[in-house]
Amino acid sequence: MDAPQLLNFRGEPTLDSREVAKMIGKRHKNLIRDIRQYINDLDEGSKLSSPKFFIESNYKSSQGKLLPCYLLTKMGCEFVANKMTGKKGTLFTAQYVSLFNEYQEEHKAIDAHMISDEIALRNRELSFKERWLGEMEAQNANKRAELLIKLANHSTKAPLRNDLLNEAMNQLMMPVVGEKAFPAGVIADELGVSAYTIGIWGQRLGLKAPKGMANRYGYWKDNRYYYNELAVQNFYEHQAAIVDDEF
């Protein structure tokens, strides 16, 4: 005889009454009769809802007819087991308890895996959003700086012009939010070349902004250019071509 299988009903494990009938050695029509009496007793003399125990269902017979059956929850199986005595009752209890416990453990592992995947996805999405927002902030800073420089160039008053230029420089030197920044010397040491070579390749690859400016790959500060992680990744991708003797 095939081992009994739990069925998933709206996220809850259940046992088909036909399986239960086999497990307890009772004719299915007789078990159906008993379950209907249990439901009647529950609905009339108890505040408990019978569908928490027995869920009405049906199946198709070999002749193609729809016949009644019930899906038993764990509480429903307990209800049936409590009506039984002797060895059959003990064996049925052991079987259904084992089935429901195995189901619970399997789904705990699946849920844990899904939660882990969801957290990883959420973290990746959060990282992307942070990088995107940081990049947008840096680009907006550049636009503000360009406007300030234009205003400074049209100003006839030296104090106002200097204030505007200073504010523009503060905007331009704003690093991308949440990014690490590396001077050319640090990247050069990693790639085994000179800082001068990194500077040349930074210009060739479009990673290095014009003096005093900033872009998505880095920014100038204290007369030094700082590359972010995106720029460093680009350097590594072109590592084979970046050698000192080319210059």
C-alpha atoms as a PDB file:
ATOM      1  CA  MET A   1       0.000   0.000   0.000  1.00  0.00           C
ATOM      2  CA  ASP A   2       1.290   3.474  -0.901  1.00  0.00           C
ATOM      3  CA  ALA A   3       2.318   5.656   2.027  1.00  0.00           C
ATOM      4  CA  PRO A   4      -0.300   8.304   2.913  1.00  0.00           C
ATOM      5  CA  GLN A   5       0.410  11.795   1.569  1.00  0.00           C
ATOM      6  CA  LEU A   6      -0.571  15.141   3.051  1.00  0.00           C
ATOM      7  CA  LEU A   7      -2.492  17.559   0.854  1.00  0.00           C
ATOM      8  CA  ASN A   8      -2.057  21.320   0.993  1.00  0.00           C
ATOM      9  CA  PHE A   9      -5.367  23.142   1.473  1.00  0.00           C
ATOM     10  CA  ARG A  10      -4.959  26.923   1.458  1.00  0.00           C
ATOM     11  CA  GLY A  11      -1.532  26.618   3.037  1.00  0.00           C
ATOM     12  CA  GLU A  12      -2.581  24.073   5.651  1.00  0.00           C
ATOM     13  CA  PRO A  13      -1.607  20.369   5.572  1.00  0.00           C
ATOM     14  CA  THR A  14      -4.522  17.931   5.515  1.00  0.00           C
ATOM     15  CA  LEU A  15      -5.184  14.207   5.094  1.00  0.00           C
ATOM     16  CA  ASP A  16      -7.779  12.864   2.666  1.00  0.00           C
ATOM     17  CA  SER A  17     -10.478  10.872   4.483  1.00  0.00           C
ATOM     18  CA  ARG A  18      -9.814   7.969   2.079  1.00  0.00           C
ATOM     19  CA  GLU A  19      -6.237   7.807   3.365  1.00  0.00           C
ATOM     20  CA  VAL A  20      -7.456   7.995   6.954  1.00  0.00           C
ATOM     21  CA  ALA A  21      -9.924   5.149   6.311  1.00  0.00           C
ATOM     22  CA  LYS A  22      -7.052   2.934   5.110  1.00  0.00           C
ATOM     23  CA  MET A  23      -4.890   3.903   8.084  1.00  0.00           C
ATOM     24  CA  ILE A  24      -7.539   2.999  10.648  1.00  0.00           C
ATOM     25  CA  GLY A  25      -8.915  -0.015   8.784  1.00  0.00           C
ATOM     26  CA  LYS A  26     -12.413   1.334   8.262  1.00  0.00           C
ATOM     27  CA  ARG A  27     -14.601   1.486   5.158  1.00  0.00           C
ATOM     28  CA  HIS A  28     -14.551   4.989   3.712  1.00  0.00           C
ATOM     29  CA  LYS A  29     -18.351   5.320   3.638  1.00  0.00           C
ATOM     30  CA  ASN A  30     -18.452   4.456   7.339  1.00  0.00           C
ATOM     31  CA  LEU A  31     -15.780   7.048   8.156  1.00  0.00           C
ATOM     32  CA  ILE A  32     -17.758   9.629   6.143  1.00  0.00           C
ATOM     33  CA  ARG A  33     -20.840   8.754   8.224  1.00  0.00           C
ATOM     34  CA  ASP A  34     -18.843   9.217  11.459  1.00  0.00           C
ATOM     35  CA  ILE A  35     -17.310  12.519  10.329  1.00  0.00           C
ATOM     36  CA  ARG A  36     -20.736  13.904   9.442  1.00  0.00           C
ATOM     37  CA  GLN A  37     -21.899  13.039  12.939  1.00  0.00           C
ATOM     38  CA  TYR A  38     -18.806  14.712  14.426  1.00  0.00           C
ATOM     39  CA  ILE A  39     -19.534  17.837  12.375  1.00  0.00           C
ATOM     40  CA  ASN A  40     -23.156  17.840  13.509  1.00  0.00           C
ATOM     41  CA  ASP A  41     -22.080  17.553  17.162  1.00  0.00           C
ATOM     42  CA  LEU A  42     -19.504  20.338  16.776  1.00  0.00           C
ATOM     43  CA  ASP A  43     -21.856  22.726  15.003  1.00  0.00           C
ATOM     44  CA  GLU A  44     -24.677  22.185  17.481  1.00  0.00           C
ATOM     45  CA  GLY A  45     -22.977  21.864  20.842  1.00  0.00           C
ATOM     46  CA  SER A  46     -19.646  23.688  20.490  1.00  0.00           C
ATOM     47  CA  LYS A  47     -18.296  27.134  19.734  1.00  0.00           C
ATOM     48  CA  LEU A  48     -15.560  25.473  17.687  1.00  0.00           C
ATOM     49  CA  SER A  49     -15.858  25.658  13.902  1.00  0.00           C
ATOM     50  CA  SER A  50     -16.050  22.224  12.268  1.00  0.00           C
ATOM     51  CA  PRO A  51     -13.895  23.283   9.217  1.00  0.00           C
ATOM     52  CA  LYS A  52     -10.976  23.580  11.637  1.00  0.00           C
ATOM     53  CA  PHE A  53     -11.253  19.799  11.878  1.00  0.00           C
ATOM     54  CA  PHE A  54     -13.005  18.545   8.741  1.00  0.00           C
ATOM     55  CA  ILE A  55     -13.156  20.252   5.349  1.00  0.00           C
ATOM     56  CA  GLU A  56     -15.803  19.081   2.902  1.00  0.00           C
ATOM     57  CA  SER A  57     -14.383  17.958  -0.444  1.00  0.00           C
ATOM     58  CA  ASN A  58     -14.954  15.437  -3.237  1.00  0.00           C
ATOM     59  CA  TYR A  59     -13.107  13.183  -5.634  1.00  0.00           C
ATOM     60  CA  LYS A  60     -13.784  11.582  -9.013  1.00  0.00           C
ATOM     61  CA  SER A  61     -14.428   7.850  -8.991  1.00  0.00           C
ATOM     62  CA  SER A  62     -13.134   5.415 -11.598  1.00  0.00           C
ATOM     63  CA  GLN A  63     -16.544   5.750 -13.297  1.00  0.00           C
ATOM     64  CA  GLY A  64     -16.142   9.525 -13.471  1.00  0.00           C
ATOM     65  CA  LYS A  65     -18.653  10.294 -10.688  1.00  0.00           C
ATOM     66  CA  LEU A  66     -18.020  12.969  -8.086  1.00  0.00           C
ATOM     67  CA  LEU A  67     -18.140  11.388  -4.640  1.00  0.00           C
ATOM     68  CA  PRO A  68     -17.872  13.037  -1.214  1.00  0.00           C
ATOM     69  CA  CYS A  69     -14.792  12.973   0.983  1.00  0.00           C
ATOM     70  CA  TYR A  70     -13.283  15.145   3.706  1.00  0.00           C
ATOM     71  CA  LEU A  71      -9.907  16.711   4.289  1.00  0.00           C
ATOM     72  CA  LEU A  72      -8.793  16.263   7.882  1.00  0.00           C
ATOM     73  CA  THR A  73      -6.569  18.843   9.526  1.00  0.00           C
ATOM     74  CA  LYS A  74      -4.204  17.789  12.297  1.00  0.00           C
ATOM     75  CA  MET A  75      -6.973  18.629  14.776  1.00  0.00           C
ATOM     76  CA  GLY A  76      -9.358  16.481  12.734  1.00  0.00           C
ATOM     77  CA  CYS A  77      -6.968  13.535  12.912  1.00  0.00           C
ATOM     78  CA  GLU A  78      -6.673  14.040  16.661  1.00  0.00           C
ATOM     79  CA  PHE A  79     -10.472  14.044  16.888  1.00  0.00           C
ATOM     80  CA  VAL A  80     -10.702  10.711  15.044  1.00  0.00           C
ATOM     81  CA  ALA A  81      -7.826   9.216  17.059  1.00  0.00           C
ATOM     82  CA  ASN A  82      -9.503  10.165  20.341  1.00  0.00           C
ATOM     83  CA  LYS A  83     -12.543   8.109  19.322  1.00  0.00           C
ATOM     84  CA  MET A  84     -10.393   5.010  18.900  1.00  0.00           C
ATOM     85  CA  THR A  85      -8.929   2.586  21.417  1.00  0.00           C
ATOM     86  CA  GLY A  86      -6.348  -0.170  21.305  1.00  0.00           C
ATOM     87  CA  LYS A  87      -3.550  -0.826  18.849  1.00  0.00           C
ATOM     88  CA  LYS A  88      -5.243   0.676  15.782  1.00  0.00           C
ATOM     89  CA  GLY A  89      -5.693   3.998  17.566  1.00  0.00           C
ATOM     90  CA  THR A  90      -2.063   3.997  18.711  1.00  0.00           C
ATOM     91  CA  LEU A  91      -0.721   3.209  15.236  1.00  0.00           C
ATOM     92  CA  PHE A  92      -2.931   5.836  13.599  1.00  0.00           C
ATOM     93  CA  THR A  93      -1.787   8.469  16.090  1.00  0.00           C
ATOM     94  CA  ALA A  94       1.867   7.597  15.473  1.00  0.00           C
ATOM     95  CA  GLN A  95       1.370   7.787  11.691  1.00  0.00           C
ATOM     96  CA  TYR A  96      -0.476  11.080  11.472  1.00  0.00           C
ATOM     97  CA  VAL A  97       1.751  12.787  14.068  1.00  0.00           C
ATOM     98  CA  SER A  98       4.824  11.686  12.105  1.00  0.00           C
ATOM     99  CA  LEU A  99       3.332  12.918   8.812  1.00  0.00           C
ATOM    100  CA  PHE A 100       2.397  16.349  10.142  1.00  0.00           C
ATOM    101  CA  ASN A 101       5.723  16.801  11.954  1.00  0.00           C
ATOM    102  CA  GLU A 102       7.702  15.902   8.823  1.00  0.00           C
ATOM    103  CA  TYR A 103       5.607  18.338   6.797  1.00  0.00           C
ATOM    104  CA  GLN A 104       6.232  21.091   9.325  1.00  0.00           C
ATOM    105  CA  GLU A 105       9.999  20.519   9.369  1.00  0.00           C
ATOM    106  CA  GLU A 106      10.201  20.459   5.562  1.00  0.00           C
ATOM    107  CA  HIS A 107       8.285  23.703   5.259  1.00  0.00           C
ATOM    108  CA  LYS A 108      10.335  25.354   8.000  1.00  0.00           C
ATOM    109  CA  ALA A 109      13.455  24.663   5.920  1.00  0.00           C
ATOM    110  CA  ILE A 110      11.749  25.937   2.747  1.00  0.00           C
ATOM    111  CA  ASP A 111      10.499  29.073   4.523  1.00  0.00           C
ATOM    112  CA  ALA A 112      13.945  29.723   6.002  1.00  0.00           C
ATOM    113  CA  HIS A 113      15.513  29.405   2.554  1.00  0.00           C
ATOM    114  CA  MET A 114      12.911  31.731   1.023  1.00  0.00           C
ATOM    115  CA  ILE A 115      13.405  34.280   3.783  1.00  0.00           C
ATOM    116  CA  SER A 116      17.173  34.116   3.240  1.00  0.00           C
ATOM    117  CA  ASP A 117      16.697  34.677  -0.510  1.00  0.00           C
ATOM    118  CA  GLU A 118      14.294  37.551   0.138  1.00  0.00           C
ATOM    119  CA  ILE A 119      16.762  39.228   2.518  1.00  0.00           C
ATOM    120  CA  ALA A 120      19.592  38.849  -0.004  1.00  0.00           C
ATOM    121  CA  LEU A 121      17.404  40.309  -2.765  1.00  0.00           C
ATOM    122  CA  ARG A 122      16.289  43.164  -0.523  1.00  0.00           C
ATOM    123  CA  ASN A 123      19.904  43.933   0.362  1.00  0.00           C
ATOM    124  CA  ARG A 124      20.901  43.958  -3.315  1.00  0.00           C
ATOM    125  CA  GLU A 125      17.998  46.253  -4.142  1.00  0.00           C
ATOM    126  CA  LEU A 126      18.870  48.520  -1.221  1.00  0.00           C
ATOM    127  CA  SER A 127      22.521  48.654  -2.295  1.00  0.00           C
ATOM    128  CA  PHE A 128      21.483  49.534  -5.856  1.00  0.00           C
ATOM    129  CA  LYS A 129      19.113  52.249  -4.621  1.00  0.00           C
ATOM    130  CA  GLU A 130      21.789  53.727  -2.350  1.00  0.00           C
ATOM    131  CA  ARG A 131      24.315  53.792  -5.189  1.00  0.00           C
ATOM    132  CA  TRP A 132      21.755  55.263  -7.573  1.00  0.00           C
ATOM    133  CA  LEU A 133      20.711  57.943  -5.090  1.00  0.00           C
ATOM    134  CA  GLY A 134      24.369  58.706  -4.371  1.00  0.00           C
ATOM    135  CA  GLU A 135      25.102  59.064  -8.059  1.00  0.00           C
ATOM    136  CA  MET A 136      22.067  61.303  -8.570  1.00  0.00           C
ATOM    137  CA  GLU A 137      23.183  63.444  -5.648  1.00  0.00           C
ATOM    138  CA  ALA A 138      26.667  63.783  -7.128  1.00  0.00           C
ATOM    139  CA  GLN A 139      25.246  64.695 -10.529  1.00  0.00           C
ATOM    140  CA  ASN A 140      22.917  67.245  -8.954  1.00  0.00           C
ATOM    141  CA  ALA A 141      25.905  68.679  -7.079  1.00  0.00           C
ATOM    142  CA  ASN A 142      27.708  69.113 -10.411  1.00  0.00           C
ATOM    143  CA  LYS A 143      24.706  70.911 -11.900  1.00  0.00           C
ATOM    144  CA  ARG A 144      24.467  73.218  -8.882  1.00  0.00           C
ATOM    145  CA  ALA A 145      28.189  73.906  -9.148  1.00  0.00           C
ATOM    146  CA  GLU A 146      27.932  74.738 -12.872  1.00  0.00           C
ATOM    147  CA  LEU A 147      25.129  77.201 -12.141  1.00  0.00           C
ATOM    148  CA  LEU A 148      27.126  78.809  -9.328  1.00  0.00           C
ATOM    149  CA  ILE A 149      30.159  79.199 -11.621  1.00  0.00           C
ATOM    150  CA  LYS A 150      27.993  80.855 -14.294  1.00  0.00           C
ATOM    151  CA  LEU A 151      26.588  83.257 -11.705  1.00  0.00           C
ATOM    152  CA  ALA A 152      30.092  84.001 -10.435  1.00  0.00           C
ATOM    153  CA  ASN A 153      31.345  84.760 -13.953  1.00  0.00           C
ATOM    154  CA  HIS A 154      28.534  87.270 -14.449  1.00  0.00           C
ATOM    155  CA  SER A 155      29.027  88.927 -11.070  1.00  0.00           C
ATOM    156  CA  THR A 156      30.767  92.329 -10.992  1.00  0.00           C
ATOM    157  CA  LYS A 157      31.319  92.263  -7.238  1.00  0.00           C
ATOM    158  CA  ALA A 158      34.440  90.424  -6.110  1.00  0.00           C
ATOM    159  CA  PRO A 159      33.162  89.302  -2.647  1.00  0.00           C
ATOM    160  CA  LEU A 160      29.997  87.800  -4.150  1.00  0.00           C
ATOM    161  CA  ARG A 161      31.957  86.192  -6.992  1.00  0.00           C
ATOM    162  CA  ASN A 162      34.404  84.589  -4.540  1.00  0.00           C
ATOM    163  CA  ASP A 163      31.574  83.312  -2.349  1.00  0.00           C
ATOM    164  CA  LEU A 164      29.872  81.769  -5.357  1.00  0.00           C
ATOM    165  CA  LEU A 165      33.095  80.117  -6.546  1.00  0.00           C
ATOM    166  CA  ASN A 166      33.829  78.749  -3.079  1.00  0.00           C
ATOM    167  CA  GLU A 167      30.351  77.275  -2.837  1.00  0.00           C
ATOM    168  CA  ALA A 168      30.769  75.783  -6.320  1.00  0.00           C
ATOM    169  CA  MET A 169      34.015  74.093  -5.244  1.00  0.00           C
ATOM    170  CA  ASN A 170      32.285  72.680  -2.163  1.00  0.00           C
ATOM    171  CA  GLN A 171      29.629  71.179  -4.418  1.00  0.00           C
ATOM    172  CA  LEU A 172      32.146  69.755  -6.876  1.00  0.00           C
ATOM    173  CA  MET A 173      34.244  68.094  -4.184  1.00  0.00           C
ATOM    174  CA  MET A 174      31.238  66.267  -2.742  1.00  0.00           C
ATOM    175  CA  PRO A 175      32.009  62.511  -2.864  1.00  0.00           C
ATOM    176  CA  VAL A 176      29.413  59.995  -4.019  1.00  0.00           C
ATOM    177  CA  VAL A 177      27.387  59.043  -0.946  1.00  0.00           C
ATOM    178  CA  GLY A 178      28.200  55.649   0.547  1.00  0.00           C
ATOM    179  CA  GLU A 179      31.254  55.078  -1.697  1.00  0.00           C
ATOM    180  CA  LYS A 180      34.842  54.452  -0.660  1.00  0.00           C
ATOM    181  CA  ALA A 181      37.380  56.682  -2.375  1.00  0.00           C
ATOM    182  CA  PHE A 182      40.974  55.831  -3.358  1.00  0.00           C
ATOM    183  CA  PRO A 183      43.793  58.097  -4.547  1.00  0.00           C
ATOM    184  CA  ALA A 184      45.799  57.052  -7.601  1.00  0.00           C
ATOM    185  CA  GLY A 185      48.709  55.802  -5.453  1.00  0.00           C
ATOM    186  CA  VAL A 186      46.605  53.160  -3.703  1.00  0.00           C
ATOM    187  CA  ILE A 187      45.241  51.804  -6.994  1.00  0.00           C
ATOM    188  CA  ALA A 188      48.735  51.901  -8.519  1.00  0.00           C
ATOM    189  CA  ASP A 189      50.118  49.755  -5.705  1.00  0.00           C
ATOM    190  CA  GLU A 190      47.360  47.200  -6.275  1.00  0.00           C
ATOM    191  CA  LEU A 191      48.025  47.002 -10.020  1.00  0.00           C
ATOM    192  CA  GLY A 192      51.812  47.218  -9.754  1.00  0.00           C
ATOM    193  CA  VAL A 193      52.178  50.428 -11.776  1.00  0.00           C
ATOM    194  CA  SER A 194      52.953  54.066 -11.035  1.00  0.00           C
ATOM    195  CA  ALA A 195      50.434  56.643  -9.840  1.00  0.00           C
ATOM    196  CA  TYR A 196      51.242  58.617 -13.020  1.00  0.00           C
ATOM    197  CA  THR A 197      50.122  55.625 -15.122  1.00  0.00           C
ATOM    198  CA  ILE A 198      46.854  55.453 -13.189  1.00  0.00           C
ATOM    199  CA  GLY A 199      46.296  59.159 -13.843  1.00  0.00           C
ATOM    200  CA  ILE A 200      46.866  58.722 -17.595  1.00  0.00           C
ATOM    201  CA  TRP A 201      44.576  55.694 -17.789  1.00  0.00           C
ATOM    202  CA  GLY A 202      41.997  57.444 -15.651  1.00  0.00           C
ATOM    203  CA  GLN A 203      41.797  60.081 -18.393  1.00  0.00           C
ATOM    204  CA  ARG A 204      41.835  57.507 -21.205  1.00  0.00           C
ATOM    205  CA  LEU A 205      38.982  55.536 -19.687  1.00  0.00           C
ATOM    206  CA  GLY A 206      36.951  58.650 -18.892  1.00  0.00           C
ATOM    207  CA  LEU A 207      37.163  58.001 -15.158  1.00  0.00           C
ATOM    208  CA  LYS A 208      39.014  61.145 -14.138  1.00  0.00           C
ATOM    209  CA  ALA A 209      37.040  64.379 -14.070  1.00  0.00           C
ATOM    210  CA  PRO A 210      38.636  67.676 -15.197  1.00  0.00           C
ATOM    211  CA  LYS A 211      40.597  69.508 -12.515  1.00  0.00           C
ATOM    212  CA  GLY A 212      38.332  70.709  -9.732  1.00  0.00           C
ATOM    213  CA  MET A 213      35.338  68.802 -11.072  1.00  0.00           C
ATOM    214  CA  ALA A 214      33.533  65.601 -10.035  1.00  0.00           C
ATOM    215  CA  ASN A 215      31.797  62.810 -11.923  1.00  0.00           C
ATOM    216  CA  ARG A 216      30.248  59.397 -11.277  1.00  0.00           C
ATOM    217  CA  TYR A 217      33.702  57.844 -10.871  1.00  0.00           C
ATOM    218  CA  GLY A 218      35.266  60.234  -8.353  1.00  0.00           C
ATOM    219  CA  TYR A 219      36.094  63.799  -7.334  1.00  0.00           C
ATOM    220  CA  TRP A 220      38.937  66.263  -6.694  1.00  0.00           C
ATOM    221  CA  LYS A 221      39.851  67.256  -3.161  1.00  0.00           C
ATOM    222  CA  ASP A 222      42.922  69.090  -1.859  1.00  0.00           C
ATOM    223  CA  ASN A 223      44.459  68.944  -5.341  1.00  0.00           C
ATOM    224  CA  ARG A 224      44.172  65.145  -5.473  1.00  0.00           C
ATOM    225  CA  TYR A 225      41.750  63.015  -7.418  1.00  0.00           C
ATOM    226  CA  TYR A 226      39.902  60.233  -5.600  1.00  0.00           C
ATOM    227  CA  TYR A 227      38.425  57.278  -7.511  1.00  0.00           C
ATOM    228  CA  ASN A 228      35.404  55.376  -6.212  1.00  0.00           C
ATOM    229  CA  GLU A 229      34.806  51.606  -6.342  1.00  0.00           C
ATOM    230  CA  LEU A 230      33.151  51.805  -9.770  1.00  0.00           C
ATOM    231  CA  ALA A 231      36.279  53.422 -11.179  1.00  0.00           C
ATOM    232  CA  VAL A 232      38.534  50.853  -9.499  1.00  0.00           C
ATOM    233  CA  GLN A 233      36.479  48.097 -11.112  1.00  0.00           C
ATOM    234  CA  ASN A 234      37.109  49.700 -14.504  1.00  0.00           C
ATOM    235  CA  PHE A 235      40.852  49.792 -13.817  1.00  0.00           C
ATOM    236  CA  TYR A 236      40.849  46.074 -12.987  1.00  0.00           C
ATOM    237  CA  GLU A 237      38.912  45.286 -16.157  1.00  0.00           C
ATOM    238  CA  HIS A 238      41.699  46.972 -18.193  1.00  0.00           C
ATOM    239  CA  GLN A 239      44.533  45.710 -15.998  1.00  0.00           C
ATOM    240  CA  ALA A 240      46.238  43.832 -18.834  1.00  0.00           C
ATOM    241  CA  ALA A 241      46.682  47.031 -20.840  1.00  0.00           C
ATOM    242  CA  ILE A 242      47.739  49.274 -17.954  1.00  0.00           C
ATOM    243  CA  VAL A 243      51.542  49.053 -17.864  1.00  0.00           C
ATOM    244  CA  ASP A 244      54.155  51.728 -17.145  1.00  0.00           C
ATOM    245  CA  ASP A 245      56.295  51.214 -20.251  1.00  0.00           C
ATOM    246  CA  GLU A 246      53.538  52.412 -22.573  1.00  0.00           C
ATOM    247  CA  PHE A 247      54.161  56.010 -21.599  1.00  0.00           C
END
